[in-house]
């Protein structure tokens, strides 16, 4: 799978604001203490979502365990990889998935996980649209020469189906706030099981 030359240029010239997962978490905590979040939209709703996401990520940081089958596949990676996650602090789907991706990256020292913010990296984001939209998170796997091996976005398949079904529902339909509540209930019940299964399939397919 070839990486577009334009994208390689952006990657090699440096991703704006590229950070480790630990730095990303600390950035969020500092922003929330100031009543802010990432990105240009600093609405009260987004700041509130970001603060809830901090709690979600804190819980997942403590509770997520990577299953043995996926652990074995990740340990078997024998050449350096760069994993890029496109995210934003206020994104609920990112909060539910990125902590598990960070746990996966930590399994093998050959994996270099870097997080970037969507709104600061539009040139990269445009290569990974979902149905024409800038949905996040986006998970990108590159080899040591920045060739694209795989990518995944923006949420596990059952959660994506929930969103599609909600969008297609006739009016009047459930409000987005109520839909988001149901979506996060699904995440809480699933406990990253589906995400890990999808990552197992993704990385098994690279071998």
Foldseek 3Di string as FASTA:
>chain_A
DFDPPLLLVCVVVPAPPKDAPVVVLVVLVVQLVVQAWDDDDSDNVLSVLLVVLNVLLVVLLPDADADPLLLVLLQPDDFAKEKEWEDISSDPQCSLPVSNVNVSQVSYPSYHYIYHYCVRGVVNQCVPADVNHSADTKIWMAGPSRTTLDIDDHHFPVLVVLVVCQVPDDPPGDDVVVSVVVSVVVSVVCSCVRVSVVSSVSSVVSD
